[in-house]
PDB file of all heavy atoms in Angstrom:
ATOM      1  N   LEU A   1       2.193   0.390  -7.791  1.00  0.00           N
ATOM      2  CA  LEU A   1       1.026   1.051  -8.392  1.00  0.00           C
ATOM      3  C   LEU A   1      -0.211   0.873  -7.482  1.00  0.00           C
ATOM      4  O   LEU A   1      -0.933   1.844  -7.189  1.00  0.00           O
ATOM      5  CB  LEU A   1       0.746   0.495  -9.788  1.00  0.00           C
ATOM      6  CG  LEU A   1      -0.527   1.029 -10.482  1.00  0.00           C
ATOM      7  CD1 LEU A   1      -0.434   2.529 -10.694  1.00  0.00           C
ATOM      8  CD2 LEU A   1      -0.749   0.290 -11.776  1.00  0.00           C
ATOM      9  N   SER A   2      -0.401  -0.327  -6.970  1.00  0.00           N
ATOM     10  CA  SER A   2      -1.555  -0.624  -6.095  1.00  0.00           C
ATOM     11  C   SER A   2      -1.450   0.199  -4.840  1.00  0.00           C
ATOM     12  O   SER A   2      -2.483   0.701  -4.350  1.00  0.00           O
ATOM     13  CB  SER A   2      -1.609  -2.083  -5.731  1.00  0.00           C
ATOM     14  OG  SER A   2      -1.759  -2.893  -6.892  1.00  0.00           O
ATOM     15  N   HIS A   3      -0.251   0.297  -4.296  1.00  0.00           N
ATOM     16  CA  HIS A   3      -0.049   1.093  -3.055  1.00  0.00           C
ATOM     17  C   HIS A   3      -0.478   2.557  -3.274  1.00  0.00           C
ATOM     18  O   HIS A   3      -1.130   3.157  -2.425  1.00  0.00           O
ATOM     19  CB  HIS A   3       1.404   1.007  -2.619  1.00  0.00           C
ATOM     20  CG  HIS A   3       1.731   1.695  -1.369  1.00  0.00           C
ATOM     21  ND1 HIS A   3       1.350   1.233  -0.125  1.00  0.00           N
ATOM     22  CD2 HIS A   3       2.426   2.860  -1.136  1.00  0.00           C
ATOM     23  CE1 HIS A   3       1.781   2.077   0.805  1.00  0.00           C
ATOM     24  NE2 HIS A   3       2.437   3.076   0.206  1.00  0.00           N
ATOM     25  N   ARG A   4      -0.042   3.111  -4.403  1.00  0.00           N
ATOM     26  CA  ARG A   4      -0.352   4.513  -4.729  1.00  0.00           C
ATOM     27  C   ARG A   4      -1.888   4.691  -4.890  1.00  0.00           C
ATOM     28  O   ARG A   4      -2.490   5.620  -4.324  1.00  0.00           O
ATOM     29  CB  ARG A   4       0.355   4.946  -5.981  1.00  0.00           C
ATOM     30  CG  ARG A   4       0.240   6.439  -6.207  1.00  0.00           C
ATOM     31  CD  ARG A   4       1.008   6.939  -7.433  1.00  0.00           C
ATOM     32  NE  ARG A   4       0.197   6.619  -8.570  1.00  0.00           N
ATOM     33  CZ  ARG A   4       0.664   6.075  -9.722  1.00  0.00           C
ATOM     34  NH1 ARG A   4       1.910   5.819  -9.838  1.00  0.00           N
ATOM     35  NH2 ARG A   4      -0.148   5.860 -10.730  1.00  0.00           N
ATOM     36  N   VAL A   5      -2.494   3.762  -5.608  1.00  0.00           N
ATOM     37  CA  VAL A   5      -3.965   3.847  -5.843  1.00  0.00           C
ATOM     38  C   VAL A   5      -4.705   3.676  -4.553  1.00  0.00           C
ATOM     39  O   VAL A   5      -5.646   4.408  -4.276  1.00  0.00           O
ATOM     40  CB  VAL A   5      -4.370   2.785  -6.896  1.00  0.00           C
ATOM     41  CG1 VAL A   5      -5.893   2.663  -6.905  1.00  0.00           C
ATOM     42  CG2 VAL A   5      -3.838   3.129  -8.236  1.00  0.00           C
ATOM     43  N   ALA A   6      -4.291   2.718  -3.687  1.00  0.00           N
ATOM     44  CA  ALA A   6      -4.966   2.466  -2.437  1.00  0.00           C
ATOM     45  C   ALA A   6      -4.941   3.726  -1.548  1.00  0.00           C
ATOM     46  O   ALA A   6      -5.909   4.014  -0.878  1.00  0.00           O
ATOM     47  CB  ALA A   6      -4.370   1.303  -1.700  1.00  0.00           C
ATOM     48  N   SER A   7      -3.841   4.443  -1.560  1.00  0.00           N
ATOM     49  CA  SER A   7      -3.721   5.610  -0.685  1.00  0.00           C
ATOM     50  C   SER A   7      -4.588   6.746  -1.235  1.00  0.00           C
ATOM     51  O   SER A   7      -4.960   7.632  -0.452  1.00  0.00           O
ATOM     52  CB  SER A   7      -2.287   6.042  -0.607  1.00  0.00           C
ATOM     53  OG  SER A   7      -1.773   6.471  -1.861  1.00  0.00           O
ATOM     54  N   GLN A   8      -4.939   6.716  -2.510  1.00  0.00           N
ATOM     55  CA  GLN A   8      -5.779   7.779  -3.077  1.00  0.00           C
ATOM     56  C   GLN A   8      -7.267   7.439  -2.963  1.00  0.00           C
ATOM     57  O   GLN A   8      -8.094   8.355  -3.036  1.00  0.00           O
ATOM     58  CB  GLN A   8      -5.456   7.981  -4.584  1.00  0.00           C
ATOM     59  CG  GLN A   8      -4.093   8.488  -4.812  1.00  0.00           C
ATOM     60  CD  GLN A   8      -3.701   8.486  -6.275  1.00  0.00           C
ATOM     61  OE1 GLN A   8      -4.457   7.969  -7.137  1.00  0.00           O
ATOM     62  NE2 GLN A   8      -2.569   9.038  -6.625  1.00  0.00           N
ATOM     63  N   CYS A   9      -7.599   6.175  -2.828  1.00  0.00           N
ATOM     64  CA  CYS A   9      -8.990   5.735  -2.860  1.00  0.00           C
ATOM     65  C   CYS A   9      -9.823   6.147  -1.626  1.00  0.00           C
ATOM     66  O   CYS A   9     -10.911   6.629  -1.742  1.00  0.00           O
ATOM     67  CB  CYS A   9      -9.076   4.237  -3.053  1.00  0.00           C
ATOM     68  SG  CYS A   9      -8.864   3.739  -4.763  1.00  0.00           S
ATOM     69  N   SER A  10      -9.316   5.821  -0.483  1.00  0.00           N
ATOM     70  CA  SER A  10     -10.183   5.916   0.676  1.00  0.00           C
ATOM     71  C   SER A  10      -9.336   6.339   1.918  1.00  0.00           C
ATOM     72  O   SER A  10      -8.205   5.929   2.072  1.00  0.00           O
ATOM     73  CB  SER A  10     -10.845   4.590   0.975  1.00  0.00           C
ATOM     74  OG  SER A  10     -11.578   4.617   2.161  1.00  0.00           O
ATOM     75  N   SER A  11      -9.926   7.088   2.773  1.00  0.00           N
ATOM     76  CA  SER A  11      -9.256   7.472   3.996  1.00  0.00           C
ATOM     77  C   SER A  11      -9.336   6.380   5.032  1.00  0.00           C
ATOM     78  O   SER A  11      -8.540   6.297   5.962  1.00  0.00           O
ATOM     79  CB  SER A  11      -9.864   8.776   4.533  1.00  0.00           C
ATOM     80  OG  SER A  11     -11.229   8.600   4.821  1.00  0.00           O
ATOM     81  N   ASP A  12     -10.320   5.482   4.863  1.00  0.00           N
ATOM     82  CA  ASP A  12     -10.443   4.336   5.792  1.00  0.00           C
ATOM     83  C   ASP A  12      -9.469   3.272   5.431  1.00  0.00           C
ATOM     84  O   ASP A  12      -8.948   3.232   4.321  1.00  0.00           O
ATOM     85  CB  ASP A  12     -11.868   3.747   5.746  1.00  0.00           C
ATOM     86  CG  ASP A  12     -12.897   4.743   6.233  1.00  0.00           C
ATOM     87  OD1 ASP A  12     -12.548   5.688   6.967  1.00  0.00           O
ATOM     88  OD2 ASP A  12     -14.081   4.602   5.837  1.00  0.00           O
ATOM     89  N   ALA A  13      -9.154   2.384   6.359  1.00  0.00           N
ATOM     90  CA  ALA A  13      -8.249   1.303   6.152  1.00  0.00           C
ATOM     91  C   ALA A  13      -8.973   0.164   5.419  1.00  0.00           C
ATOM     92  O   ALA A  13      -9.106  -0.938   5.961  1.00  0.00           O
ATOM     93  CB  ALA A  13      -7.626   0.856   7.442  1.00  0.00           C
ATOM     94  N   VAL A  14      -9.443   0.412   4.227  1.00  0.00           N
ATOM     95  CA  VAL A  14     -10.160  -0.612   3.471  1.00  0.00           C
ATOM     96  C   VAL A  14      -9.196  -1.522   2.705  1.00  0.00           C
ATOM     97  O   VAL A  14      -9.429  -2.685   2.590  1.00  0.00           O
ATOM     98  CB  VAL A  14     -11.107   0.072   2.429  1.00  0.00           C
ATOM     99  CG1 VAL A  14     -11.834  -0.959   1.588  1.00  0.00           C
ATOM    100  CG2 VAL A  14     -12.109   0.933   3.179  1.00  0.00           C
ATOM    101  N   PHE A  15      -8.063  -0.951   2.297  1.00  0.00           N
ATOM    102  CA  PHE A  15      -7.074  -1.697   1.505  1.00  0.00           C
ATOM    103  C   PHE A  15      -5.876  -2.019   2.387  1.00  0.00           C
ATOM    104  O   PHE A  15      -5.378  -1.156   3.066  1.00  0.00           O
ATOM    105  CB  PHE A  15      -6.632  -0.900   0.275  1.00  0.00           C
ATOM    106  CG  PHE A  15      -7.720  -0.633  -0.673  1.00  0.00           C
ATOM    107  CD1 PHE A  15      -8.364   0.626  -0.671  1.00  0.00           C
ATOM    108  CD2 PHE A  15      -8.141  -1.558  -1.606  1.00  0.00           C
ATOM    109  CE1 PHE A  15      -9.364   0.890  -1.549  1.00  0.00           C
ATOM    110  CE2 PHE A  15      -9.155  -1.276  -2.533  1.00  0.00           C
ATOM    111  CZ  PHE A  15      -9.756  -0.053  -2.496  1.00  0.00           C
ATOM    112  N   VAL A  16      -5.413  -3.275   2.300  1.00  0.00           N
ATOM    113  CA  VAL A  16      -4.227  -3.648   2.994  1.00  0.00           C
ATOM    114  C   VAL A  16      -3.030  -3.442   2.039  1.00  0.00           C
ATOM    115  O   VAL A  16      -3.086  -3.947   0.894  1.00  0.00           O
ATOM    116  CB  VAL A  16      -4.286  -5.140   3.440  1.00  0.00           C
ATOM    117  CG1 VAL A  16      -2.974  -5.554   4.055  1.00  0.00           C
ATOM    118  CG2 VAL A  16      -5.448  -5.360   4.396  1.00  0.00           C
ATOM    119  N   THR A  17      -2.072  -2.763   2.503  1.00  0.00           N
ATOM    120  CA  THR A  17      -0.910  -2.474   1.698  1.00  0.00           C
ATOM    121  C   THR A  17       0.359  -2.616   2.538  1.00  0.00           C
ATOM    122  O   THR A  17       0.233  -2.680   3.794  1.00  0.00           O
ATOM    123  CB  THR A  17      -1.016  -1.140   0.942  1.00  0.00           C
ATOM    124  OG1 THR A  17       0.110  -0.999   0.030  1.00  0.00           O
ATOM    125  CG2 THR A  17      -1.019   0.026   1.922  1.00  0.00           C
ATOM    126  N   TYR A  18       1.496  -2.638   1.931  1.00  0.00           N
ATOM    127  CA  TYR A  18       2.717  -2.845   2.670  1.00  0.00           C
ATOM    128  C   TYR A  18       3.086  -1.643   3.458  1.00  0.00           C
ATOM    129  O   TYR A  18       2.782  -0.483   3.072  1.00  0.00           O
ATOM    130  CB  TYR A  18       3.840  -3.254   1.741  1.00  0.00           C
ATOM    131  CG  TYR A  18       4.230  -2.201   0.679  1.00  0.00           C
ATOM    132  CD1 TYR A  18       5.175  -1.250   0.956  1.00  0.00           C
ATOM    133  CD2 TYR A  18       3.580  -2.161  -0.551  1.00  0.00           C
ATOM    134  CE1 TYR A  18       5.496  -0.285   0.004  1.00  0.00           C
ATOM    135  CE2 TYR A  18       3.906  -1.243  -1.498  1.00  0.00           C
ATOM    136  CZ  TYR A  18       4.862  -0.242  -1.218  1.00  0.00           C
ATOM    137  OH  TYR A  18       5.205   0.681  -2.144  1.00  0.00           O
ATOM    138  N   ALA A  19       3.768  -1.868   4.579  1.00  0.00           N
ATOM    139  CA  ALA A  19       4.300  -0.761   5.383  1.00  0.00           C
ATOM    140  C   ALA A  19       5.715  -0.415   4.934  1.00  0.00           C
ATOM    141  O   ALA A  19       6.154   0.732   4.976  1.00  0.00           O
ATOM    142  CB  ALA A  19       4.325  -1.144   6.870  1.00  0.00           C
ATOM    143  N   ARG A  20       6.491  -1.379   4.557  1.00  0.00           N
ATOM    144  CA  ARG A  20       7.862  -1.271   4.061  1.00  0.00           C
ATOM    145  C   ARG A  20       8.106  -2.370   3.041  1.00  0.00           C
ATOM    146  O   ARG A  20       7.327  -3.331   2.953  1.00  0.00           O
ATOM    147  CB  ARG A  20       8.877  -1.448   5.174  1.00  0.00           C
ATOM    148  CG  ARG A  20       8.910  -0.466   6.253  1.00  0.00           C
ATOM    149  CD  ARG A  20       9.870  -0.829   7.411  1.00  0.00           C
ATOM    150  NE  ARG A  20      11.120  -1.447   6.990  1.00  0.00           N
ATOM    151  CZ  ARG A  20      12.244  -0.789   6.708  1.00  0.00           C
ATOM    152  NH1 ARG A  20      12.300   0.485   6.835  1.00  0.00           N
ATOM    153  NH2 ARG A  20      13.341  -1.452   6.375  1.00  0.00           N
ATOM    154  N   TYR A  21       9.170  -2.252   2.364  1.00  0.00           N
ATOM    155  CA  TYR A  21       9.638  -3.365   1.488  1.00  0.00           C
ATOM    156  C   TYR A  21      11.172  -3.342   1.476  1.00  0.00           C
ATOM    157  O   TYR A  21      11.806  -2.320   1.777  1.00  0.00           O
ATOM    158  CB  TYR A  21       9.057  -3.229   0.069  1.00  0.00           C
ATOM    159  CG  TYR A  21       9.678  -2.133  -0.752  1.00  0.00           C
ATOM    160  CD1 TYR A  21      10.759  -2.385  -1.572  1.00  0.00           C
ATOM    161  CD2 TYR A  21       9.154  -0.832  -0.653  1.00  0.00           C
ATOM    162  CE1 TYR A  21      11.324  -1.361  -2.287  1.00  0.00           C
ATOM    163  CE2 TYR A  21       9.717   0.142  -1.382  1.00  0.00           C
ATOM    164  CZ  TYR A  21      10.792  -0.084  -2.213  1.00  0.00           C
ATOM    165  OH  TYR A  21      11.362   0.933  -2.937  1.00  0.00           O
ATOM    166  N   PHE A  22      11.740  -4.479   1.125  1.00  0.00           N
ATOM    167  CA  PHE A  22      13.163  -4.588   0.930  1.00  0.00           C
ATOM    168  C   PHE A  22      13.418  -5.771   0.042  1.00  0.00           C
ATOM    169  O   PHE A  22      12.482  -6.448  -0.379  1.00  0.00           O
ATOM    170  CB  PHE A  22      13.912  -4.724   2.311  1.00  0.00           C
ATOM    171  CG  PHE A  22      13.443  -5.880   3.133  1.00  0.00           C
ATOM    172  CD1 PHE A  22      14.117  -7.112   3.069  1.00  0.00           C
ATOM    173  CD2 PHE A  22      12.419  -5.735   4.034  1.00  0.00           C
ATOM    174  CE1 PHE A  22      13.701  -8.162   3.866  1.00  0.00           C
ATOM    175  CE2 PHE A  22      11.979  -6.785   4.821  1.00  0.00           C
ATOM    176  CZ  PHE A  22      12.670  -8.011   4.737  1.00  0.00           C
ATOM    177  N   HIS A  23      14.650  -6.029  -0.290  1.00  0.00           N
ATOM    178  CA  HIS A  23      15.012  -7.141  -1.154  1.00  0.00           C
ATOM    179  C   HIS A  23      15.922  -8.105  -0.415  1.00  0.00           C
ATOM    180  O   HIS A  23      16.720  -7.666   0.447  1.00  0.00           O
ATOM    181  CB  HIS A  23      15.710  -6.630  -2.421  1.00  0.00           C
ATOM    182  CG  HIS A  23      14.776  -5.812  -3.317  1.00  0.00           C
ATOM    183  ND1 HIS A  23      14.683  -4.483  -3.176  1.00  0.00           N
ATOM    184  CD2 HIS A  23      13.923  -6.215  -4.270  1.00  0.00           C
ATOM    185  CE1 HIS A  23      13.805  -4.032  -4.078  1.00  0.00           C
ATOM    186  NE2 HIS A  23      13.297  -5.071  -4.718  1.00  0.00           N
ATOM    187  N   ILE A  24      15.793  -9.375  -0.747  1.00  0.00           N
ATOM    188  CA  ILE A  24      16.628 -10.418  -0.213  1.00  0.00           C
ATOM    189  C   ILE A  24      17.411 -11.034  -1.358  1.00  0.00           C
ATOM    190  O   ILE A  24      16.795 -11.482  -2.329  1.00  0.00           O
ATOM    191  CB  ILE A  24      15.795 -11.508   0.464  1.00  0.00           C
ATOM    192  CG1 ILE A  24      14.942 -10.951   1.631  1.00  0.00           C
ATOM    193  CG2 ILE A  24      16.672 -12.649   0.941  1.00  0.00           C
ATOM    194  CD1 ILE A  24      13.951 -11.911   2.208  1.00  0.00           C
ATOM    195  N   ASP A  25      18.724 -11.006  -1.265  1.00  0.00           N
ATOM    196  CA  ASP A  25      19.532 -11.677  -2.276  1.00  0.00           C
ATOM    197  C   ASP A  25      19.906 -13.064  -1.676  1.00  0.00           C
ATOM    198  O   ASP A  25      20.523 -13.164  -0.609  1.00  0.00           O
ATOM    199  CB  ASP A  25      20.819 -10.877  -2.558  1.00  0.00           C
ATOM    200  CG  ASP A  25      20.496  -9.569  -3.267  1.00  0.00           C
ATOM    201  OD1 ASP A  25      19.772  -9.679  -4.308  1.00  0.00           O
ATOM    202  OD2 ASP A  25      20.952  -8.501  -2.858  1.00  0.00           O
TER     203      ASP A  25
END
């Protein structure tokens, strides 16, 4: 949710968000 909101908020790199994600079992 935060990633989606951050991408809508600002064109500048104001928010740090993940580039990728994965799972570790």
